[in-house]
C-alpha atoms as a PDB file:
ATOM      1  CA  UNK A   1      39.118 -51.542 -26.493  1.00  0.00           C
ATOM      2  CA  UNK A   2      41.030 -48.902 -24.549  1.00  0.00           C
ATOM      3  CA  UNK A   3      38.004 -46.564 -24.394  1.00  0.00           C
ATOM      4  CA  UNK A   4      35.761 -49.404 -23.185  1.00  0.00           C
ATOM      5  CA  UNK A   5      38.196 -50.096 -20.337  1.00  0.00           C
ATOM      6  CA  UNK A   6      38.194 -46.404 -19.467  1.00  0.00           C
ATOM      7  CA  UNK A   7      34.365 -46.382 -19.261  1.00  0.00           C
ATOM      8  CA  UNK A   8      34.376 -49.447 -17.017  1.00  0.00           C
ATOM      9  CA  UNK A   9      37.036 -47.900 -14.773  1.00  0.00           C
ATOM     10  CA  UNK A  10      35.066 -44.640 -14.644  1.00  0.00           C
ATOM     11  CA  UNK A  11      31.870 -46.439 -13.677  1.00  0.00           C
ATOM     12  CA  UNK A  12      33.739 -48.366 -11.017  1.00  0.00           C
ATOM     13  CA  UNK A  13      35.090 -45.141  -9.541  1.00  0.00           C
ATOM     14  CA  UNK A  14      31.588 -43.650  -9.528  1.00  0.00           C
ATOM     15  CA  UNK A  15      30.285 -46.701  -7.678  1.00  0.00           C
ATOM     16  CA  UNK A  16      32.994 -46.246  -5.058  1.00  0.00           C
ATOM     17  CA  UNK A  17      32.064 -42.594  -4.592  1.00  0.00           C
ATOM     18  CA  UNK A  18      28.291 -43.193  -4.709  1.00  0.00           C
ATOM     19  CA  UNK A  19      27.229 -46.634  -3.443  1.00  0.00           C
ATOM     20  CA  UNK A  20      24.135 -48.095  -5.106  1.00  0.00           C
ATOM     21  CA  UNK A  21      21.832 -47.109  -2.221  1.00  0.00           C
ATOM     22  CA  UNK A  22      22.999 -43.480  -2.315  1.00  0.00           C
ATOM     23  CA  UNK A  23      22.898 -43.381  -6.110  1.00  0.00           C
ATOM     24  CA  UNK A  24      19.255 -44.441  -5.980  1.00  0.00           C
ATOM     25  CA  UNK A  25      18.357 -41.800  -3.384  1.00  0.00           C
ATOM     26  CA  UNK A  26      20.016 -39.050  -5.418  1.00  0.00           C
ATOM     27  CA  UNK A  27      18.053 -39.837  -8.560  1.00  0.00           C
ATOM     28  CA  UNK A  28      14.622 -40.728  -7.134  1.00  0.00           C
ATOM     29  CA  UNK A  29      12.142 -38.838  -4.969  1.00  0.00           C
ATOM     30  CA  UNK A  30       9.689 -40.712  -2.750  1.00  0.00           C
ATOM     31  CA  UNK A  31       6.949 -38.198  -3.468  1.00  0.00           C
ATOM     32  CA  UNK A  32       4.358 -37.708  -6.212  1.00  0.00           C
ATOM     33  CA  UNK A  33       4.593 -38.832  -9.829  1.00  0.00           C
ATOM     34  CA  UNK A  34       5.692 -36.694 -12.772  1.00  0.00           C
ATOM     35  CA  UNK A  35       2.211 -35.513 -13.751  1.00  0.00           C
ATOM     36  CA  UNK A  36       1.057 -31.932 -13.276  1.00  0.00           C
ATOM     37  CA  UNK A  37      -1.731 -32.187 -10.702  1.00  0.00           C
ATOM     38  CA  UNK A  38      -4.663 -29.874 -11.334  1.00  0.00           C
ATOM     39  CA  UNK A  39      -8.385 -29.403 -10.801  1.00  0.00           C
ATOM     40  CA  UNK A  40     -10.210 -32.582 -11.812  1.00  0.00           C
ATOM     41  CA  UNK A  41      -7.254 -34.914 -11.179  1.00  0.00           C
ATOM     42  CA  UNK A  42      -7.909 -37.997  -9.037  1.00  0.00           C
ATOM     43  CA  UNK A  43      -5.773 -40.715  -7.475  1.00  0.00           C
ATOM     44  CA  UNK A  44      -2.763 -41.238  -5.226  1.00  0.00           C
ATOM     45  CA  UNK A  45      -1.056 -37.979  -6.213  1.00  0.00           C
ATOM     46  CA  UNK A  46      -4.081 -36.017  -5.033  1.00  0.00           C
ATOM     47  CA  UNK A  47      -4.227 -38.005  -1.785  1.00  0.00           C
ATOM     48  CA  UNK A  48      -0.610 -37.059  -1.117  1.00  0.00           C
ATOM     49  CA  UNK A  49      -1.245 -33.453  -2.141  1.00  0.00           C
ATOM     50  CA  UNK A  50      -4.239 -33.106   0.168  1.00  0.00           C
ATOM     51  CA  UNK A  51      -2.396 -34.786   3.043  1.00  0.00           C
ATOM     52  CA  UNK A  52       0.653 -32.526   2.714  1.00  0.00           C
ATOM     53  CA  UNK A  53      -1.512 -29.397   2.413  1.00  0.00           C
ATOM     54  CA  UNK A  54      -3.470 -30.467   5.484  1.00  0.00           C
ATOM     55  CA  UNK A  55      -0.258 -31.227   7.375  1.00  0.00           C
ATOM     56  CA  UNK A  56       0.675 -27.556   6.863  1.00  0.00           C
ATOM     57  CA  UNK A  57      -2.829 -26.310   7.681  1.00  0.00           C
ATOM     58  CA  UNK A  58      -3.795 -25.067   4.216  1.00  0.00           C
ATOM     59  CA  UNK A  59      -6.442 -27.737   3.541  1.00  0.00           C
ATOM     60  CA  UNK A  60      -9.248 -28.714   5.916  1.00  0.00           C
ATOM     61  CA  UNK A  61     -11.394 -30.884   3.664  1.00  0.00           C
ATOM     62  CA  UNK A  62     -11.556 -34.644   3.289  1.00  0.00           C
ATOM     63  CA  UNK A  63      -8.485 -36.489   2.031  1.00  0.00           C
ATOM     64  CA  UNK A  64     -10.277 -38.389  -0.704  1.00  0.00           C
ATOM     65  CA  UNK A  65      -8.015 -38.216  -3.764  1.00  0.00           C
ATOM     66  CA  UNK A  66     -10.329 -35.867  -5.701  1.00  0.00           C
ATOM     67  CA  UNK A  67      -8.894 -32.468  -6.725  1.00  0.00           C
ATOM     68  CA  UNK A  68     -11.948 -30.282  -6.168  1.00  0.00           C
ATOM     69  CA  UNK A  69     -12.278 -26.576  -5.537  1.00  0.00           C
ATOM     70  CA  UNK A  70     -11.323 -26.875  -1.872  1.00  0.00           C
ATOM     71  CA  UNK A  71      -8.022 -28.437  -2.873  1.00  0.00           C
ATOM     72  CA  UNK A  72      -7.592 -25.855  -5.639  1.00  0.00           C
ATOM     73  CA  UNK A  73      -7.876 -22.904  -3.251  1.00  0.00           C
ATOM     74  CA  UNK A  74      -5.627 -24.621  -0.722  1.00  0.00           C
ATOM     75  CA  UNK A  75      -2.972 -24.949  -3.437  1.00  0.00           C
ATOM     76  CA  UNK A  76      -3.319 -21.284  -4.357  1.00  0.00           C
ATOM     77  CA  UNK A  77      -2.949 -20.200  -0.728  1.00  0.00           C
ATOM     78  CA  UNK A  78       0.124 -22.406  -0.376  1.00  0.00           C
ATOM     79  CA  UNK A  79       1.599 -20.896  -3.550  1.00  0.00           C
ATOM     80  CA  UNK A  80       0.976 -17.399  -2.234  1.00  0.00           C
ATOM     81  CA  UNK A  81       2.574 -18.032   1.158  1.00  0.00           C
ATOM     82  CA  UNK A  82       5.627 -19.729  -0.361  1.00  0.00           C
ATOM     83  CA  UNK A  83       6.258 -17.109  -3.051  1.00  0.00           C
ATOM     84  CA  UNK A  84       5.276 -19.296  -6.006  1.00  0.00           C
ATOM     85  CA  UNK A  85       3.258 -18.497  -9.114  1.00  0.00           C
ATOM     86  CA  UNK A  86      -0.395 -18.539  -8.052  1.00  0.00           C
ATOM     87  CA  UNK A  87      -2.134 -20.672 -10.664  1.00  0.00           C
ATOM     88  CA  UNK A  88      -3.547 -23.676  -8.789  1.00  0.00           C
ATOM     89  CA  UNK A  89      -1.331 -26.073 -10.751  1.00  0.00           C
ATOM     90  CA  UNK A  90       0.941 -28.504  -8.919  1.00  0.00           C
ATOM     91  CA  UNK A  91       4.088 -28.964 -10.971  1.00  0.00           C
ATOM     92  CA  UNK A  92       7.666 -29.749 -10.044  1.00  0.00           C
ATOM     93  CA  UNK A  93       8.418 -26.553  -8.118  1.00  0.00           C
ATOM     94  CA  UNK A  94       5.257 -26.768  -6.012  1.00  0.00           C
ATOM     95  CA  UNK A  95       5.891 -30.457  -5.315  1.00  0.00           C
ATOM     96  CA  UNK A  96       9.447 -29.733  -4.185  1.00  0.00           C
ATOM     97  CA  UNK A  97       8.268 -26.971  -1.825  1.00  0.00           C
ATOM     98  CA  UNK A  98       5.552 -29.201  -0.410  1.00  0.00           C
ATOM     99  CA  UNK A  99       7.922 -32.114   0.058  1.00  0.00           C
ATOM    100  CA  UNK A 100      10.472 -29.999   1.922  1.00  0.00           C
ATOM    101  CA  UNK A 101       7.895 -28.234   4.104  1.00  0.00           C
ATOM    102  CA  UNK A 102       5.765 -31.216   5.129  1.00  0.00           C
ATOM    103  CA  UNK A 103       5.836 -34.871   6.103  1.00  0.00           C
ATOM    104  CA  UNK A 104       3.851 -37.670   4.480  1.00  0.00           C
ATOM    105  CA  UNK A 105       3.241 -41.117   5.943  1.00  0.00           C
ATOM    106  CA  UNK A 106       1.981 -42.817   2.801  1.00  0.00           C
ATOM    107  CA  UNK A 107       1.130 -46.098   4.520  1.00  0.00           C
ATOM    108  CA  UNK A 108      -0.921 -44.445   7.266  1.00  0.00           C
ATOM    109  CA  UNK A 109      -2.824 -42.069   4.973  1.00  0.00           C
ATOM    110  CA  UNK A 110      -3.657 -44.604   2.283  1.00  0.00           C
ATOM    111  CA  UNK A 111      -4.734 -47.170   4.876  1.00  0.00           C
ATOM    112  CA  UNK A 112      -7.230 -44.666   6.334  1.00  0.00           C
ATOM    113  CA  UNK A 113      -8.551 -43.866   2.856  1.00  0.00           C
ATOM    114  CA  UNK A 114      -8.837 -47.578   2.016  1.00  0.00           C
ATOM    115  CA  UNK A 115     -10.738 -48.299   5.223  1.00  0.00           C
ATOM    116  CA  UNK A 116     -13.047 -45.325   4.680  1.00  0.00           C
ATOM    117  CA  UNK A 117     -12.034 -43.789   7.993  1.00  0.00           C
ATOM    118  CA  UNK A 118     -12.894 -40.225   8.925  1.00  0.00           C
ATOM    119  CA  UNK A 119      -9.453 -38.809   9.661  1.00  0.00           C
ATOM    120  CA  UNK A 120      -7.211 -35.753   9.476  1.00  0.00           C
ATOM    121  CA  UNK A 121      -3.494 -35.223   8.906  1.00  0.00           C
ATOM    122  CA  UNK A 122      -2.529 -31.931  10.545  1.00  0.00           C
ATOM    123  CA  UNK A 123       1.127 -31.621  11.516  1.00  0.00           C
ATOM    124  CA  UNK A 124       1.846 -31.926  15.213  1.00  0.00           C
ATOM    125  CA  UNK A 125      -1.260 -33.993  15.964  1.00  0.00           C
ATOM    126  CA  UNK A 126      -0.604 -37.592  17.117  1.00  0.00           C
ATOM    127  CA  UNK A 127      -1.943 -40.196  14.704  1.00  0.00           C
ATOM    128  CA  UNK A 128      -4.006 -41.757  17.474  1.00  0.00           C
ATOM    129  CA  UNK A 129      -6.008 -38.520  17.583  1.00  0.00           C
ATOM    130  CA  UNK A 130      -6.258 -38.083  13.808  1.00  0.00           C
ATOM    131  CA  UNK A 131      -8.584 -41.022  13.136  1.00  0.00           C
ATOM    132  CA  UNK A 132     -12.005 -39.872  14.293  1.00  0.00           C
ATOM    133  CA  UNK A 133     -14.124 -42.901  13.533  1.00  0.00           C
ATOM    134  CA  UNK A 134     -14.360 -45.824  11.178  1.00  0.00           C
ATOM    135  CA  UNK A 135     -17.332 -46.268   8.895  1.00  0.00           C
ATOM    136  CA  UNK A 136     -18.632 -49.839   9.343  1.00  0.00           C
ATOM    137  CA  UNK A 137     -18.785 -51.989   6.209  1.00  0.00           C
ATOM    138  CA  UNK A 138     -21.303 -54.782   5.774  1.00  0.00           C
ATOM    139  CA  UNK A 139     -21.891 -56.617   9.051  1.00  0.00           C
ATOM    140  CA  UNK A 140     -18.706 -55.278  10.597  1.00  0.00           C
ATOM    141  CA  UNK A 141     -19.258 -53.896  14.091  1.00  0.00           C
ATOM    142  CA  UNK A 142     -18.363 -50.213  14.432  1.00  0.00           C
ATOM    143  CA  UNK A 143     -15.438 -49.541  16.782  1.00  0.00           C
ATOM    144  CA  UNK A 144     -16.207 -48.449  20.310  1.00  0.00           C
ATOM    145  CA  UNK A 145     -16.343 -44.728  20.823  1.00  0.00           C
ATOM    146  CA  UNK A 146     -13.059 -43.364  22.082  1.00  0.00           C
ATOM    147  CA  UNK A 147     -12.892 -41.084  25.081  1.00  0.00           C
ATOM    148  CA  UNK A 148     -12.202 -37.440  24.203  1.00  0.00           C
ATOM    149  CA  UNK A 149      -8.570 -36.415  24.380  1.00  0.00           C
ATOM    150  CA  UNK A 150      -9.293 -33.106  26.090  1.00  0.00           C
ATOM    151  CA  UNK A 151     -11.803 -31.879  28.640  1.00  0.00           C
ATOM    152  CA  UNK A 152     -13.996 -28.779  28.536  1.00  0.00           C
ATOM    153  CA  UNK A 153     -13.776 -28.503  24.746  1.00  0.00           C
ATOM    154  CA  UNK A 154     -17.005 -26.910  23.488  1.00  0.00           C
ATOM    155  CA  UNK A 155     -18.721 -28.632  20.614  1.00  0.00           C
ATOM    156  CA  UNK A 156     -17.797 -27.287  17.217  1.00  0.00           C
ATOM    157  CA  UNK A 157     -14.058 -26.998  17.879  1.00  0.00           C
ATOM    158  CA  UNK A 158     -11.736 -29.920  17.219  1.00  0.00           C
ATOM    159  CA  UNK A 159      -8.344 -30.701  18.691  1.00  0.00           C
ATOM    160  CA  UNK A 160      -6.876 -29.505  15.393  1.00  0.00           C
ATOM    161  CA  UNK A 161      -8.677 -26.151  15.732  1.00  0.00           C
ATOM    162  CA  UNK A 162      -7.303 -25.710  19.244  1.00  0.00           C
ATOM    163  CA  UNK A 163      -3.779 -26.654  18.174  1.00  0.00           C
ATOM    164  CA  UNK A 164      -3.802 -24.266  15.203  1.00  0.00           C
ATOM    165  CA  UNK A 165      -5.141 -21.430  17.337  1.00  0.00           C
ATOM    166  CA  UNK A 166      -2.503 -22.046  19.998  1.00  0.00           C
ATOM    167  CA  UNK A 167       0.166 -21.938  17.279  1.00  0.00           C
ATOM    168  CA  UNK A 168      -1.257 -18.664  15.968  1.00  0.00           C
ATOM    169  CA  UNK A 169      -1.525 -17.070  19.424  1.00  0.00           C
ATOM    170  CA  UNK A 170       2.016 -18.106  20.307  1.00  0.00           C
ATOM    171  CA  UNK A 171       3.393 -16.898  16.970  1.00  0.00           C
ATOM    172  CA  UNK A 172       1.518 -13.593  17.089  1.00  0.00           C
ATOM    173  CA  UNK A 173       1.412 -12.655  20.792  1.00  0.00           C
ATOM    174  CA  UNK A 174       3.720 -14.720  22.994  1.00  0.00           C
ATOM    175  CA  UNK A 175       5.323 -11.529  24.326  1.00  0.00           C
ATOM    176  CA  UNK A 176       1.964  -9.971  25.190  1.00  0.00           C
ATOM    177  CA  UNK A 177       0.214 -10.097  28.591  1.00  0.00           C
ATOM    178  CA  UNK A 178      -2.134 -13.049  29.067  1.00  0.00           C
ATOM    179  CA  UNK A 179      -5.234 -10.956  28.449  1.00  0.00           C
ATOM    180  CA  UNK A 180      -3.703  -9.841  25.151  1.00  0.00           C
ATOM    181  CA  UNK A 181      -3.168 -13.454  24.102  1.00  0.00           C
ATOM    182  CA  UNK A 182      -6.803 -14.269  24.887  1.00  0.00           C
ATOM    183  CA  UNK A 183      -7.799 -11.225  22.835  1.00  0.00           C
ATOM    184  CA  UNK A 184      -5.844 -12.474  19.811  1.00  0.00           C
ATOM    185  CA  UNK A 185      -7.550 -15.875  20.106  1.00  0.00           C
ATOM    186  CA  UNK A 186     -10.886 -14.050  20.338  1.00  0.00           C
ATOM    187  CA  UNK A 187     -10.201 -12.169  17.099  1.00  0.00           C
ATOM    188  CA  UNK A 188      -9.736 -15.501  15.338  1.00  0.00           C
ATOM    189  CA  UNK A 189     -13.051 -16.792  16.690  1.00  0.00           C
ATOM    190  CA  UNK A 190     -14.804 -13.514  15.852  1.00  0.00           C
ATOM    191  CA  UNK A 191     -13.623 -13.847  12.272  1.00  0.00           C
ATOM    192  CA  UNK A 192     -14.903 -17.423  12.080  1.00  0.00           C
ATOM    193  CA  UNK A 193     -18.326 -16.108  13.169  1.00  0.00           C
ATOM    194  CA  UNK A 194     -18.240 -13.186  10.715  1.00  0.00           C
ATOM    195  CA  UNK A 195     -19.683 -13.526   7.217  1.00  0.00           C
ATOM    196  CA  UNK A 196     -16.730 -11.467   5.940  1.00  0.00           C
ATOM    197  CA  UNK A 197     -14.171 -14.195   6.697  1.00  0.00           C
ATOM    198  CA  UNK A 198     -13.819 -17.964   6.180  1.00  0.00           C
ATOM    199  CA  UNK A 199     -16.039 -19.997   8.511  1.00  0.00           C
ATOM    200  CA  UNK A 200     -13.334 -22.338   9.806  1.00  0.00           C
ATOM    201  CA  UNK A 201     -10.397 -21.789  12.147  1.00  0.00           C
ATOM    202  CA  UNK A 202      -7.833 -22.970   9.599  1.00  0.00           C
ATOM    203  CA  UNK A 203      -9.488 -20.903   6.856  1.00  0.00           C
ATOM    204  CA  UNK A 204      -9.219 -17.740   8.981  1.00  0.00           C
ATOM    205  CA  UNK A 205      -5.640 -18.372  10.098  1.00  0.00           C
ATOM    206  CA  UNK A 206      -4.315 -19.211   6.638  1.00  0.00           C
ATOM    207  CA  UNK A 207      -6.232 -16.568   4.722  1.00  0.00           C
ATOM    208  CA  UNK A 208      -3.613 -14.722   2.628  1.00  0.00           C
ATOM    209  CA  UNK A 209      -1.984 -11.764   4.397  1.00  0.00           C
ATOM    210  CA  UNK A 210      -4.164 -12.238   7.490  1.00  0.00           C
ATOM    211  CA  UNK A 211      -1.521 -13.053  10.107  1.00  0.00           C
ATOM    212  CA  UNK A 212       2.163 -12.142  10.216  1.00  0.00           C
ATOM    213  CA  UNK A 213       3.019 -15.411  11.974  1.00  0.00           C
ATOM    214  CA  UNK A 214       1.880 -17.342   8.905  1.00  0.00           C
ATOM    215  CA  UNK A 215       3.889 -15.163   6.521  1.00  0.00           C
ATOM    216  CA  UNK A 216       7.136 -15.402   8.495  1.00  0.00           C
ATOM    217  CA  UNK A 217       6.772 -19.048   9.559  1.00  0.00           C
ATOM    218  CA  UNK A 218       6.348 -18.427  13.285  1.00  0.00           C
ATOM    219  CA  UNK A 219       2.997 -20.222  13.085  1.00  0.00           C
ATOM    220  CA  UNK A 220       4.996 -23.469  13.300  1.00  0.00           C
ATOM    221  CA  UNK A 221       6.749 -22.673  16.582  1.00  0.00           C
ATOM    222  CA  UNK A 222       5.778 -25.016  19.408  1.00  0.00           C
ATOM    223  CA  UNK A 223       3.202 -23.163  21.532  1.00  0.00           C
ATOM    224  CA  UNK A 224       3.505 -23.113  25.316  1.00  0.00           C
ATOM    225  CA  UNK A 225       0.774 -23.933  27.824  1.00  0.00           C
ATOM    226  CA  UNK A 226      -0.088 -20.251  28.248  1.00  0.00           C
ATOM    227  CA  UNK A 227      -1.061 -19.961  24.574  1.00  0.00           C
ATOM    228  CA  UNK A 228      -3.204 -23.091  24.851  1.00  0.00           C
ATOM    229  CA  UNK A 229      -4.924 -21.792  27.982  1.00  0.00           C
ATOM    230  CA  UNK A 230      -5.599 -18.475  26.250  1.00  0.00           C
ATOM    231  CA  UNK A 231      -7.275 -20.329  23.387  1.00  0.00           C
ATOM    232  CA  UNK A 232      -9.465 -22.311  25.778  1.00  0.00           C
ATOM    233  CA  UNK A 233     -10.495 -19.163  27.647  1.00  0.00           C
ATOM    234  CA  UNK A 234     -11.479 -17.534  24.350  1.00  0.00           C
ATOM    235  CA  UNK A 235     -13.414 -20.604  23.193  1.00  0.00           C
ATOM    236  CA  UNK A 236     -15.215 -20.722  26.528  1.00  0.00           C
ATOM    237  CA  UNK A 237     -16.499 -17.171  26.055  1.00  0.00           C
ATOM    238  CA  UNK A 238     -13.969 -14.634  27.353  1.00  0.00           C
ATOM    239  CA  UNK A 239     -13.457 -11.898  24.750  1.00  0.00           C
ATOM    240  CA  UNK A 240     -11.283  -9.066  26.104  1.00  0.00           C
ATOM    241  CA  UNK A 241     -10.978  -7.674  22.554  1.00  0.00           C
ATOM    242  CA  UNK A 242     -14.539  -6.290  22.665  1.00  0.00           C
ATOM    243  CA  UNK A 243     -15.683  -8.284  19.598  1.00  0.00           C
ATOM    244  CA  UNK A 244     -12.752  -7.044  17.499  1.00  0.00           C
ATOM    245  CA  UNK A 245     -12.023  -8.619  14.115  1.00  0.00           C
ATOM    246  CA  UNK A 246      -8.703  -6.822  13.542  1.00  0.00           C
ATOM    247  CA  UNK A 247      -5.665  -5.907  15.606  1.00  0.00           C
ATOM    248  CA  UNK A 248      -2.276  -4.374  14.838  1.00  0.00           C
ATOM    249  CA  UNK A 249       0.911  -3.142  16.445  1.00  0.00           C
ATOM    250  CA  UNK A 250       1.095   0.641  15.886  1.00  0.00           C
ATOM    251  CA  UNK A 251       4.897   0.526  16.116  1.00  0.00           C
ATOM    252  CA  UNK A 252       5.281  -1.874  13.195  1.00  0.00           C
ATOM    253  CA  UNK A 253       2.108  -1.459  11.092  1.00  0.00           C
ATOM    254  CA  UNK A 254       2.835  -0.455   7.496  1.00  0.00           C
ATOM    255  CA  UNK A 255      -0.738  -0.358   6.190  1.00  0.00           C
ATOM    256  CA  UNK A 256      -2.577   2.948   6.130  1.00  0.00           C
ATOM    257  CA  UNK A 257      -5.854   1.041   5.820  1.00  0.00           C
ATOM    258  CA  UNK A 258      -5.627  -0.587   9.240  1.00  0.00           C
ATOM    259  CA  UNK A 259      -5.448   2.839  10.870  1.00  0.00           C
ATOM    260  CA  UNK A 260      -8.846   3.662   9.338  1.00  0.00           C
ATOM    261  CA  UNK A 261     -10.611   0.879  11.245  1.00  0.00           C
ATOM    262  CA  UNK A 262     -12.678   1.949  14.282  1.00  0.00           C
ATOM    263  CA  UNK A 263     -10.497   1.279  17.299  1.00  0.00           C
ATOM    264  CA  UNK A 264     -11.931  -0.469  20.363  1.00  0.00           C
ATOM    265  CA  UNK A 265      -9.055  -0.645  22.831  1.00  0.00           C
ATOM    266  CA  UNK A 266      -5.351  -1.202  23.275  1.00  0.00           C
ATOM    267  CA  UNK A 267      -4.033  -4.277  25.112  1.00  0.00           C
ATOM    268  CA  UNK A 268      -0.286  -4.546  25.478  1.00  0.00           C
ATOM    269  CA  UNK A 269       1.261  -3.510  22.180  1.00  0.00           C
ATOM    270  CA  UNK A 270      -1.834  -4.314  20.089  1.00  0.00           C
ATOM    271  CA  UNK A 271      -4.710  -2.046  19.118  1.00  0.00           C
ATOM    272  CA  UNK A 272      -7.958  -3.975  18.549  1.00  0.00           C
ATOM    273  CA  UNK A 273     -10.411  -2.757  15.917  1.00  0.00           C
ATOM    274  CA  UNK A 274     -13.791  -3.400  14.341  1.00  0.00           C
END
């Protein structure tokens, strides 16, 4: 009987130290289930995975709950950038990294999926701008077309593209003269147009080892208006880089290969190359 009393007293002390609400939060995680998520998996775990990867800019496909090859490569790129084993499998360690690095509004995301809405979930973009349109069901009237949220945005580039490019320009070249910032934005666009690189803005920016700002986390700094203006000037046709697809700082470059590229010009601290 004495040992039973001791257990009860011990449990009581634990409850005083950790109230029930805190005890629950310590032992449960509001993210994912326990399964290893991999190619071919479907369901809520994949919806959360795709949303979190898109929040960070690694995934630019549809959030549909189907772990296809687009999701697979997004996972691998995330694993590379965060120093994890690159195998395309989403186990406990990958889930923990994703959960700490991103946000996930389960109610919002799953409601858009349920409604069949065309939407995105990039971090830093207001939710009112993420839902592009709703697919009408049955006799339901389609919603009225919303006015664009920005002016002078050429077709083919979304608000998310512009935001990601502004982040990249600010992270890579905020100390450079304005023309140098436009040149960096132009390099991104030139890569999108090149068959050698991914054909999307997010694909180019988050290609492994492509940009220092992605590797060191400066991609997530809040860009200023100058960076955004530089992006718009580049999108609208100004390319001071001379059609460059590479650039580097000769004072910090550690790759011998980059020095072998044909050089076009130097702007600020950056040399732009073909």
